[in-house]
C-alpha atoms as a PDB file:
ATOM      1  CA  UNK A   1       0.206  80.509  59.370  1.00  0.00           C
ATOM      2  CA  UNK A   2      -1.373  83.080  57.139  1.00  0.00           C
ATOM      3  CA  UNK A   3      -3.768  81.999  54.470  1.00  0.00           C
ATOM      4  CA  UNK A   4      -1.551  82.933  51.601  1.00  0.00           C
ATOM      5  CA  UNK A   5       1.099  80.599  53.138  1.00  0.00           C
ATOM      6  CA  UNK A   6      -1.452  77.891  53.366  1.00  0.00           C
ATOM      7  CA  UNK A   7      -2.511  78.451  49.789  1.00  0.00           C
ATOM      8  CA  UNK A   8       0.908  78.137  48.542  1.00  0.00           C
ATOM      9  CA  UNK A   9       1.548  74.788  50.368  1.00  0.00           C
ATOM     10  CA  UNK A  10      -1.659  73.419  48.772  1.00  0.00           C
ATOM     11  CA  UNK A  11      -0.451  74.784  45.391  1.00  0.00           C
ATOM     12  CA  UNK A  12       2.844  72.936  46.051  1.00  0.00           C
ATOM     13  CA  UNK A  13       1.087  69.684  46.881  1.00  0.00           C
ATOM     14  CA  UNK A  14      -0.886  70.041  43.452  1.00  0.00           C
ATOM     15  CA  UNK A  15       2.498  70.833  41.598  1.00  0.00           C
ATOM     16  CA  UNK A  16       4.105  67.689  43.005  1.00  0.00           C
ATOM     17  CA  UNK A  17       0.852  65.687  42.122  1.00  0.00           C
ATOM     18  CA  UNK A  18       1.607  66.370  38.273  1.00  0.00           C
ATOM     19  CA  UNK A  19       2.237  62.636  37.309  1.00  0.00           C
ATOM     20  CA  UNK A  20       4.957  63.136  34.712  1.00  0.00           C
ATOM     21  CA  UNK A  21       5.850  59.307  34.525  1.00  0.00           C
ATOM     22  CA  UNK A  22       2.139  58.529  33.991  1.00  0.00           C
ATOM     23  CA  UNK A  23       1.751  61.197  31.315  1.00  0.00           C
ATOM     24  CA  UNK A  24       5.077  60.401  29.505  1.00  0.00           C
ATOM     25  CA  UNK A  25       4.377  56.712  29.400  1.00  0.00           C
ATOM     26  CA  UNK A  26       0.778  57.183  28.271  1.00  0.00           C
ATOM     27  CA  UNK A  27       1.932  59.485  25.421  1.00  0.00           C
ATOM     28  CA  UNK A  28       4.778  57.304  24.172  1.00  0.00           C
ATOM     29  CA  UNK A  29       3.396  53.786  24.572  1.00  0.00           C
ATOM     30  CA  UNK A  30      -0.193  54.219  25.735  1.00  0.00           C
ATOM     31  CA  UNK A  31       0.643  51.811  28.505  1.00  0.00           C
ATOM     32  CA  UNK A  32      -0.267  52.729  32.201  1.00  0.00           C
ATOM     33  CA  UNK A  33       2.772  52.946  34.307  1.00  0.00           C
ATOM     34  CA  UNK A  34       0.678  52.083  37.337  1.00  0.00           C
ATOM     35  CA  UNK A  35       0.322  48.615  35.768  1.00  0.00           C
ATOM     36  CA  UNK A  36       3.991  48.298  34.907  1.00  0.00           C
ATOM     37  CA  UNK A  37       7.097  47.098  36.948  1.00  0.00           C
ATOM     38  CA  UNK A  38       6.703  48.210  40.591  1.00  0.00           C
ATOM     39  CA  UNK A  39       3.557  50.110  39.769  1.00  0.00           C
ATOM     40  CA  UNK A  40       4.924  53.542  40.544  1.00  0.00           C
ATOM     41  CA  UNK A  41       5.254  56.731  38.583  1.00  0.00           C
ATOM     42  CA  UNK A  42       8.915  56.963  39.551  1.00  0.00           C
ATOM     43  CA  UNK A  43      11.478  57.899  36.990  1.00  0.00           C
ATOM     44  CA  UNK A  44      13.506  54.512  37.839  1.00  0.00           C
ATOM     45  CA  UNK A  45      10.213  52.543  36.963  1.00  0.00           C
ATOM     46  CA  UNK A  46       9.797  54.329  33.618  1.00  0.00           C
ATOM     47  CA  UNK A  47      13.439  54.014  32.887  1.00  0.00           C
ATOM     48  CA  UNK A  48      13.699  50.346  33.532  1.00  0.00           C
ATOM     49  CA  UNK A  49      10.229  49.324  32.268  1.00  0.00           C
ATOM     50  CA  UNK A  50       9.286  51.826  29.542  1.00  0.00           C
ATOM     51  CA  UNK A  51      12.558  53.347  27.967  1.00  0.00           C
ATOM     52  CA  UNK A  52      15.722  55.433  28.612  1.00  0.00           C
ATOM     53  CA  UNK A  53      14.632  58.670  27.253  1.00  0.00           C
ATOM     54  CA  UNK A  54      11.189  58.492  29.066  1.00  0.00           C
ATOM     55  CA  UNK A  55      12.778  57.632  32.258  1.00  0.00           C
ATOM     56  CA  UNK A  56      15.325  60.450  32.227  1.00  0.00           C
ATOM     57  CA  UNK A  57      12.681  63.031  31.136  1.00  0.00           C
ATOM     58  CA  UNK A  58      10.446  61.769  33.852  1.00  0.00           C
ATOM     59  CA  UNK A  59      13.249  62.112  36.483  1.00  0.00           C
ATOM     60  CA  UNK A  60      14.146  65.595  35.316  1.00  0.00           C
ATOM     61  CA  UNK A  61      10.563  66.857  35.519  1.00  0.00           C
ATOM     62  CA  UNK A  62      10.091  65.185  38.910  1.00  0.00           C
ATOM     63  CA  UNK A  63      13.083  67.002  40.149  1.00  0.00           C
ATOM     64  CA  UNK A  64      11.918  70.218  38.316  1.00  0.00           C
ATOM     65  CA  UNK A  65       8.588  70.287  40.172  1.00  0.00           C
ATOM     66  CA  UNK A  66      10.252  70.004  43.633  1.00  0.00           C
ATOM     67  CA  UNK A  67      12.650  72.640  42.983  1.00  0.00           C
ATOM     68  CA  UNK A  68       9.880  75.175  41.532  1.00  0.00           C
ATOM     69  CA  UNK A  69       7.708  74.661  44.612  1.00  0.00           C
ATOM     70  CA  UNK A  70      10.597  75.921  46.826  1.00  0.00           C
ATOM     71  CA  UNK A  71      12.193  78.500  44.311  1.00  0.00           C
ATOM     72  CA  UNK A  72       8.831  80.160  43.776  1.00  0.00           C
ATOM     73  CA  UNK A  73       8.215  80.276  47.486  1.00  0.00           C
ATOM     74  CA  UNK A  74      11.588  81.990  47.840  1.00  0.00           C
ATOM     75  CA  UNK A  75      10.897  84.534  45.131  1.00  0.00           C
ATOM     76  CA  UNK A  76       7.722  85.368  47.073  1.00  0.00           C
ATOM     77  CA  UNK A  77       9.931  85.686  50.263  1.00  0.00           C
ATOM     78  CA  UNK A  78       8.061  83.077  52.290  1.00  0.00           C
ATOM     79  CA  UNK A  79       9.612  82.283  55.542  1.00  0.00           C
ATOM     80  CA  UNK A  80      12.189  79.298  55.639  1.00  0.00           C
ATOM     81  CA  UNK A  81       9.630  77.158  57.318  1.00  0.00           C
ATOM     82  CA  UNK A  82       7.112  77.773  54.667  1.00  0.00           C
ATOM     83  CA  UNK A  83       9.602  77.040  51.929  1.00  0.00           C
ATOM     84  CA  UNK A  84      10.541  73.788  53.627  1.00  0.00           C
ATOM     85  CA  UNK A  85       6.982  72.765  53.952  1.00  0.00           C
ATOM     86  CA  UNK A  86       6.291  73.544  50.171  1.00  0.00           C
ATOM     87  CA  UNK A  87       8.959  71.120  49.430  1.00  0.00           C
ATOM     88  CA  UNK A  88       7.415  68.494  51.863  1.00  0.00           C
ATOM     89  CA  UNK A  89       4.038  69.149  50.256  1.00  0.00           C
ATOM     90  CA  UNK A  90       5.529  68.697  46.682  1.00  0.00           C
ATOM     91  CA  UNK A  91       7.039  65.345  47.916  1.00  0.00           C
ATOM     92  CA  UNK A  92       3.621  64.223  49.252  1.00  0.00           C
ATOM     93  CA  UNK A  93       1.941  65.235  46.023  1.00  0.00           C
ATOM     94  CA  UNK A  94       4.307  63.074  44.149  1.00  0.00           C
ATOM     95  CA  UNK A  95       3.767  60.129  46.383  1.00  0.00           C
ATOM     96  CA  UNK A  96       0.050  60.447  46.538  1.00  0.00           C
ATOM     97  CA  UNK A  97      -0.924  62.412  43.450  1.00  0.00           C
ATOM     98  CA  UNK A  98      -4.381  64.198  43.324  1.00  0.00           C
ATOM     99  CA  UNK A  99      -4.835  63.374  39.754  1.00  0.00           C
ATOM    100  CA  UNK A 100      -4.139  59.664  40.140  1.00  0.00           C
ATOM    101  CA  UNK A 101      -6.444  58.955  43.046  1.00  0.00           C
ATOM    102  CA  UNK A 102      -3.455  58.956  45.467  1.00  0.00           C
ATOM    103  CA  UNK A 103      -1.207  56.615  43.619  1.00  0.00           C
ATOM    104  CA  UNK A 104       2.224  58.005  42.797  1.00  0.00           C
ATOM    105  CA  UNK A 105       6.129  57.371  42.983  1.00  0.00           C
ATOM    106  CA  UNK A 106       8.550  57.239  45.627  1.00  0.00           C
ATOM    107  CA  UNK A 107       9.468  61.006  46.041  1.00  0.00           C
ATOM    108  CA  UNK A 108      13.204  60.991  45.975  1.00  0.00           C
ATOM    109  CA  UNK A 109      13.457  63.080  42.571  1.00  0.00           C
ATOM    110  CA  UNK A 110      11.187  65.745  43.966  1.00  0.00           C
ATOM    111  CA  UNK A 111      12.866  65.771  47.121  1.00  0.00           C
ATOM    112  CA  UNK A 112      16.185  66.354  45.383  1.00  0.00           C
ATOM    113  CA  UNK A 113      14.632  69.320  43.469  1.00  0.00           C
ATOM    114  CA  UNK A 114      13.319  70.964  46.594  1.00  0.00           C
ATOM    115  CA  UNK A 115      16.548  70.270  48.508  1.00  0.00           C
ATOM    116  CA  UNK A 116      18.435  71.824  45.374  1.00  0.00           C
ATOM    117  CA  UNK A 117      16.378  75.023  45.844  1.00  0.00           C
ATOM    118  CA  UNK A 118      16.582  75.140  49.434  1.00  0.00           C
ATOM    119  CA  UNK A 119      20.396  74.780  49.543  1.00  0.00           C
ATOM    120  CA  UNK A 120      22.812  73.539  46.832  1.00  0.00           C
ATOM    121  CA  UNK A 121      25.702  73.947  48.969  1.00  0.00           C
ATOM    122  CA  UNK A 122      24.341  71.468  51.534  1.00  0.00           C
ATOM    123  CA  UNK A 123      22.861  69.068  49.093  1.00  0.00           C
ATOM    124  CA  UNK A 124      26.059  68.332  47.179  1.00  0.00           C
ATOM    125  CA  UNK A 125      27.537  66.282  50.051  1.00  0.00           C
ATOM    126  CA  UNK A 126      24.519  63.975  50.657  1.00  0.00           C
ATOM    127  CA  UNK A 127      24.151  63.629  46.878  1.00  0.00           C
ATOM    128  CA  UNK A 128      27.814  62.392  46.492  1.00  0.00           C
ATOM    129  CA  UNK A 129      27.053  59.893  49.303  1.00  0.00           C
ATOM    130  CA  UNK A 130      23.874  58.813  47.556  1.00  0.00           C
ATOM    131  CA  UNK A 131      25.646  58.120  44.033  1.00  0.00           C
ATOM    132  CA  UNK A 132      28.654  56.419  45.537  1.00  0.00           C
ATOM    133  CA  UNK A 133      26.471  54.075  47.701  1.00  0.00           C
ATOM    134  CA  UNK A 134      23.947  53.586  44.844  1.00  0.00           C
ATOM    135  CA  UNK A 135      26.821  52.547  42.505  1.00  0.00           C
ATOM    136  CA  UNK A 136      28.549  50.184  45.147  1.00  0.00           C
ATOM    137  CA  UNK A 137      25.576  48.688  46.795  1.00  0.00           C
ATOM    138  CA  UNK A 138      21.947  49.730  46.267  1.00  0.00           C
ATOM    139  CA  UNK A 139      19.954  53.000  45.514  1.00  0.00           C
ATOM    140  CA  UNK A 140      17.475  52.211  48.285  1.00  0.00           C
ATOM    141  CA  UNK A 141      20.366  52.205  50.773  1.00  0.00           C
ATOM    142  CA  UNK A 142      21.766  55.367  49.098  1.00  0.00           C
ATOM    143  CA  UNK A 143      18.350  57.107  49.677  1.00  0.00           C
ATOM    144  CA  UNK A 144      18.523  56.370  53.539  1.00  0.00           C
ATOM    145  CA  UNK A 145      21.989  57.927  53.562  1.00  0.00           C
ATOM    146  CA  UNK A 146      20.953  60.842  51.444  1.00  0.00           C
ATOM    147  CA  UNK A 147      17.972  61.787  53.726  1.00  0.00           C
ATOM    148  CA  UNK A 148      19.996  61.101  57.067  1.00  0.00           C
ATOM    149  CA  UNK A 149      23.041  62.969  55.961  1.00  0.00           C
ATOM    150  CA  UNK A 150      21.006  66.083  54.599  1.00  0.00           C
ATOM    151  CA  UNK A 151      19.430  66.266  58.110  1.00  0.00           C
ATOM    152  CA  UNK A 152      22.597  65.975  60.128  1.00  0.00           C
ATOM    153  CA  UNK A 153      24.505  68.496  57.744  1.00  0.00           C
ATOM    154  CA  UNK A 154      21.568  70.918  57.796  1.00  0.00           C
ATOM    155  CA  UNK A 155      21.677  70.458  61.623  1.00  0.00           C
ATOM    156  CA  UNK A 156      25.372  70.988  62.136  1.00  0.00           C
ATOM    157  CA  UNK A 157      25.161  74.092  59.906  1.00  0.00           C
ATOM    158  CA  UNK A 158      22.335  75.645  61.785  1.00  0.00           C
ATOM    159  CA  UNK A 159      20.155  75.441  58.610  1.00  0.00           C
ATOM    160  CA  UNK A 160      16.653  75.140  60.212  1.00  0.00           C
ATOM    161  CA  UNK A 161      14.628  75.104  57.056  1.00  0.00           C
ATOM    162  CA  UNK A 162      16.799  72.208  55.768  1.00  0.00           C
ATOM    163  CA  UNK A 163      16.462  70.296  58.920  1.00  0.00           C
ATOM    164  CA  UNK A 164      12.515  70.762  58.985  1.00  0.00           C
ATOM    165  CA  UNK A 165      12.304  69.666  55.320  1.00  0.00           C
ATOM    166  CA  UNK A 166      14.499  66.609  55.682  1.00  0.00           C
ATOM    167  CA  UNK A 167      12.848  65.396  58.939  1.00  0.00           C
ATOM    168  CA  UNK A 168       9.304  65.939  57.593  1.00  0.00           C
ATOM    169  CA  UNK A 169      10.252  64.443  54.269  1.00  0.00           C
ATOM    170  CA  UNK A 170      11.268  61.047  56.152  1.00  0.00           C
ATOM    171  CA  UNK A 171       7.291  60.431  56.520  1.00  0.00           C
ATOM    172  CA  UNK A 172       6.125  60.387  52.950  1.00  0.00           C
ATOM    173  CA  UNK A 173       9.245  58.576  51.863  1.00  0.00           C
ATOM    174  CA  UNK A 174       9.007  55.772  54.274  1.00  0.00           C
ATOM    175  CA  UNK A 175       5.339  55.362  54.338  1.00  0.00           C
ATOM    176  CA  UNK A 176       5.591  54.958  50.529  1.00  0.00           C
ATOM    177  CA  UNK A 177       8.132  52.329  50.958  1.00  0.00           C
ATOM    178  CA  UNK A 178       5.757  50.339  53.115  1.00  0.00           C
ATOM    179  CA  UNK A 179       3.003  50.529  50.601  1.00  0.00           C
ATOM    180  CA  UNK A 180       0.739  48.633  49.774  1.00  0.00           C
ATOM    181  CA  UNK A 181       0.086  48.576  53.567  1.00  0.00           C
ATOM    182  CA  UNK A 182      -2.813  45.914  53.168  1.00  0.00           C
ATOM    183  CA  UNK A 183      -0.215  43.265  52.162  1.00  0.00           C
ATOM    184  CA  UNK A 184       1.326  43.645  55.538  1.00  0.00           C
ATOM    185  CA  UNK A 185      -1.539  42.642  57.521  1.00  0.00           C
ATOM    186  CA  UNK A 186      -1.750  39.329  55.607  1.00  0.00           C
ATOM    187  CA  UNK A 187       2.033  38.603  55.745  1.00  0.00           C
ATOM    188  CA  UNK A 188       3.144  35.636  57.842  1.00  0.00           C
ATOM    189  CA  UNK A 189       6.561  37.326  58.571  1.00  0.00           C
ATOM    190  CA  UNK A 190       5.485  41.004  59.063  1.00  0.00           C
ATOM    191  CA  UNK A 191       8.557  41.988  60.996  1.00  0.00           C
ATOM    192  CA  UNK A 192      10.821  40.931  58.184  1.00  0.00           C
ATOM    193  CA  UNK A 193       8.738  42.299  55.472  1.00  0.00           C
ATOM    194  CA  UNK A 194       8.542  45.776  57.119  1.00  0.00           C
ATOM    195  CA  UNK A 195      12.290  45.701  57.609  1.00  0.00           C
ATOM    196  CA  UNK A 196      13.061  44.824  53.991  1.00  0.00           C
ATOM    197  CA  UNK A 197      10.733  47.416  52.642  1.00  0.00           C
ATOM    198  CA  UNK A 198      12.128  50.372  54.791  1.00  0.00           C
ATOM    199  CA  UNK A 199      15.627  49.442  54.213  1.00  0.00           C
ATOM    200  CA  UNK A 200      15.619  48.015  50.509  1.00  0.00           C
ATOM    201  CA  UNK A 201      12.215  49.437  49.247  1.00  0.00           C
ATOM    202  CA  UNK A 202      11.589  45.708  48.356  1.00  0.00           C
ATOM    203  CA  UNK A 203       9.790  42.465  49.568  1.00  0.00           C
ATOM    204  CA  UNK A 204      13.351  40.937  49.932  1.00  0.00           C
ATOM    205  CA  UNK A 205      16.585  42.276  50.847  1.00  0.00           C
ATOM    206  CA  UNK A 206      19.408  43.321  48.386  1.00  0.00           C
ATOM    207  CA  UNK A 207      22.377  41.948  50.123  1.00  0.00           C
ATOM    208  CA  UNK A 208      24.659  41.507  47.168  1.00  0.00           C
ATOM    209  CA  UNK A 209      26.462  44.808  46.299  1.00  0.00           C
ATOM    210  CA  UNK A 210      25.544  46.338  43.137  1.00  0.00           C
ATOM    211  CA  UNK A 211      29.165  46.519  42.090  1.00  0.00           C
ATOM    212  CA  UNK A 212      29.457  42.784  42.377  1.00  0.00           C
ATOM    213  CA  UNK A 213      26.507  42.173  40.245  1.00  0.00           C
ATOM    214  CA  UNK A 214      27.986  44.359  37.591  1.00  0.00           C
ATOM    215  CA  UNK A 215      31.050  42.623  37.667  1.00  0.00           C
ATOM    216  CA  UNK A 216      29.413  39.315  37.259  1.00  0.00           C
ATOM    217  CA  UNK A 217      27.454  40.498  34.268  1.00  0.00           C
ATOM    218  CA  UNK A 218      30.601  41.998  32.582  1.00  0.00           C
ATOM    219  CA  UNK A 219      32.636  38.707  33.139  1.00  0.00           C
ATOM    220  CA  UNK A 220      30.030  36.393  31.855  1.00  0.00           C
END
């Protein structure tokens, strides 16, 4: 890896580290998003616990920084592997922001932006699976399908950069789901907690489908 390649990956990490959820929340409400909801800078946390427009804007900007990290790498004609690693670096930056003492979000928006820049023709199928499963059951389960289907479709299409990006992104996404790690050490049922966090991104499983919960609310 040449020095310029490495420098771009570092820049992509810093780009991904820009904490839009934190900034937008501070400007609009003066609250610290790291003290609100599930204490992450994710657009979903901002949307649910701060406001709709703040959450949508955060989500779009998080997608944008992943997209830019890869798109600019493409403009400079970096290799496919460097483009992929730039996307991964942006996801890592989002999850462990340099500007927030390594706090951050979940990385899915930034993943989507980078994947969109890498190959929109491959992304649309995993994205459809994600949206359908998110509506019918749960977004955390939808995320798992998004990641695995992106890897599978990239592999079957011989798209090595997409395969590398998808596989390497599993690490920051799943490690973030397990956080805070220190809570696992003191848990009496560590195995169940790990499974619940990995599958549902929560301390408790979401077994009831989302569509059923929506119907219940509408029929009350």
